[in-house]
C-alpha cells in the first residue's frame, strides 16, 4: 500500500485571479512597461490576460484557395498576471488587490485607498 494516496482535486485549475475582465491595468514589465489598457479576457488556467491595444504582433497570412486574401493582421498576445497591476479608480494609481467579506460574499478592494473595486 502506498504511503499516501493522491486525491484528484476537482477544482485544480479554478484559481481566483485578482484581475477581471473590464479592469483598467498597467503593465509592470516587458516592452509595454508603463502603458495602460483595459482587460479584454482572463485565462485562469494559464494565469494570463489579454489587454486591449497592448502586446500585439503582426502575423503574415497567405491567401487561401477559398478566396480569402492574404495580408498582415495584428493579433493580441496574452500577458502574465504577475506583470500587470490593477489601477485604483479613486486615486488613479496602480494598487494591490485584496479580498473582503461584504454582505455574504467576497469582494475585491484596492489596498492603496481601501475602497471596493467590485460593486456590491
Protein backbone atom coordinates (compact mmCIF):
# COMPACT_ATOMS: atom_id res chain seq x y z
CA UNK A 1 0.00 0.00 0.00
CA UNK A 2 1.41 3.46 -0.86
CA UNK A 3 2.44 5.88 1.86
CA UNK A 4 -0.11 8.39 0.74
CA UNK A 5 -2.98 8.38 -1.66
CA UNK A 6 -3.10 11.31 -4.02
CA UNK A 7 -6.62 12.61 -4.42
CA UNK A 8 -7.54 14.37 -7.60
CA UNK A 9 -8.65 17.92 -6.99
CA UNK A 10 -11.76 18.75 -8.97
CA UNK A 11 -11.08 22.49 -8.99
CA UNK A 12 -7.40 22.09 -9.75
CA UNK A 13 -7.33 24.99 -12.20
CA UNK A 14 -10.07 27.14 -10.70
CA UNK A 15 -7.74 29.85 -9.41
CA UNK A 16 -9.16 33.10 -8.09
CA UNK A 17 -7.48 35.83 -10.08
CA UNK A 18 -7.19 39.39 -8.82
CA UNK A 19 -7.69 40.77 -12.33
CA UNK A 20 -11.08 40.56 -14.04
CA UNK A 21 -12.39 41.39 -17.49
CA UNK A 22 -13.06 45.13 -17.78
CA UNK A 23 -10.42 46.21 -15.24
CA UNK A 24 -8.05 49.05 -16.08
CA UNK A 25 -4.47 47.78 -15.64
CA UNK A 26 -0.89 48.99 -16.03
CA UNK A 27 1.87 46.74 -17.39
CA UNK A 28 4.80 46.30 -14.97
CA UNK A 29 7.35 44.51 -17.15
CA UNK A 30 8.27 43.88 -20.76
CA UNK A 31 8.25 46.02 -23.87
CA UNK A 32 4.86 47.54 -22.93
CA UNK A 33 6.04 48.59 -19.44
CA UNK A 34 4.17 51.60 -18.06
CA UNK A 35 1.34 51.51 -20.59
CA UNK A 36 -2.29 51.28 -19.50
CA UNK A 37 -5.18 49.38 -21.01
CA UNK A 38 -8.45 47.59 -20.41
CA UNK A 39 -8.54 43.82 -19.83
CA UNK A 40 -10.39 42.01 -22.63
CA UNK A 41 -10.13 38.44 -21.29
CA UNK A 42 -8.53 36.46 -18.46
CA UNK A 43 -7.43 32.81 -18.63
CA UNK A 44 -7.23 31.37 -15.10
CA UNK A 45 -5.56 28.14 -16.25
CA UNK A 46 -2.52 29.82 -17.79
CA UNK A 47 -2.75 32.87 -15.47
CA UNK A 48 -2.63 35.26 -18.44
CA UNK A 49 -4.77 38.13 -19.67
CA UNK A 50 -5.22 39.99 -22.93
CA UNK A 51 -5.10 43.78 -22.63
CA UNK A 52 -6.76 45.92 -25.29
CA UNK A 53 -4.23 47.60 -27.60
CA UNK A 54 -1.14 46.17 -25.85
CA UNK A 55 1.32 43.36 -26.64
CA UNK A 56 0.18 42.96 -30.25
CA UNK A 57 2.20 41.36 -33.01
CA UNK A 58 1.80 41.28 -36.75
CA UNK A 59 1.18 37.96 -38.46
CA UNK A 60 1.71 37.50 -42.19
CA UNK A 61 -1.08 35.38 -43.66
CA UNK A 62 -1.01 33.73 -47.08
CA UNK A 63 -4.03 33.94 -49.34
CA UNK A 64 -6.28 30.89 -49.10
CA UNK A 65 -7.68 28.93 -52.05
CA UNK A 66 -11.24 29.68 -50.87
CA UNK A 67 -10.90 33.29 -51.98
CA UNK A 68 -9.62 34.81 -48.73
CA UNK A 69 -6.94 37.40 -49.47
CA UNK A 70 -3.60 37.36 -47.71
CA UNK A 71 -2.14 40.20 -45.76
CA UNK A 72 -0.81 41.32 -42.41
CA UNK A 73 -3.07 41.00 -39.38
CA UNK A 74 -2.43 42.09 -35.79
CA UNK A 75 -3.02 39.60 -33.00
CA UNK A 76 -3.16 40.47 -29.28
CA UNK A 77 -0.84 38.27 -27.25
CA UNK A 78 -1.52 37.43 -23.58
CA UNK A 79 0.42 38.96 -20.67
CA UNK A 80 1.06 37.04 -17.45
CA UNK A 81 -0.99 38.30 -14.50
CA UNK A 82 2.16 38.88 -12.45
CA UNK A 83 3.17 41.55 -14.99
CA UNK A 84 0.01 43.66 -14.68
CA UNK A 85 -1.44 45.64 -11.78
CA UNK A 86 -4.99 46.93 -11.34
CA UNK A 87 -5.44 50.72 -11.35
CA UNK A 88 -7.44 52.15 -8.45
CA UNK A 89 -10.46 54.13 -9.68
CA UNK A 90 -10.36 56.72 -6.90
CA UNK A 91 -6.64 57.57 -6.93
CA UNK A 92 -5.71 56.56 -10.48
CA UNK A 93 -2.61 54.75 -9.21
CA UNK A 94 -1.63 51.07 -9.51
CA UNK A 95 -2.68 49.08 -6.45
CA UNK A 96 -2.50 45.63 -4.98
CA UNK A 97 -5.84 43.87 -4.65
CA UNK A 98 -7.27 42.21 -1.55
CA UNK A 99 -10.50 40.37 -0.80
CA UNK A 100 -13.04 41.37 1.82
CA UNK A 101 -16.22 39.60 3.00
CA UNK A 102 -19.09 42.08 2.46
CA UNK A 103 -22.81 41.25 2.51
CA UNK A 104 -22.32 37.46 2.40
CA UNK A 105 -19.83 37.43 -0.49
CA UNK A 106 -16.21 38.15 -1.27
CA UNK A 107 -15.46 41.48 -2.96
CA UNK A 108 -12.17 42.89 -4.20
CA UNK A 109 -10.78 46.09 -2.71
CA UNK A 110 -7.84 48.36 -3.53
CA UNK A 111 -5.17 48.28 -0.85
CA UNK A 112 -3.96 51.81 -1.68
CA UNK A 113 -7.28 53.57 -0.98
CA UNK A 114 -9.07 50.78 0.94
CA UNK A 115 -12.08 51.23 -1.40
CA UNK A 116 -14.08 48.42 -3.02
CA UNK A 117 -13.29 47.66 -6.66
CA UNK A 118 -16.31 45.43 -7.25
CA UNK A 119 -19.77 46.92 -6.84
CA UNK A 120 -21.97 45.48 -4.12
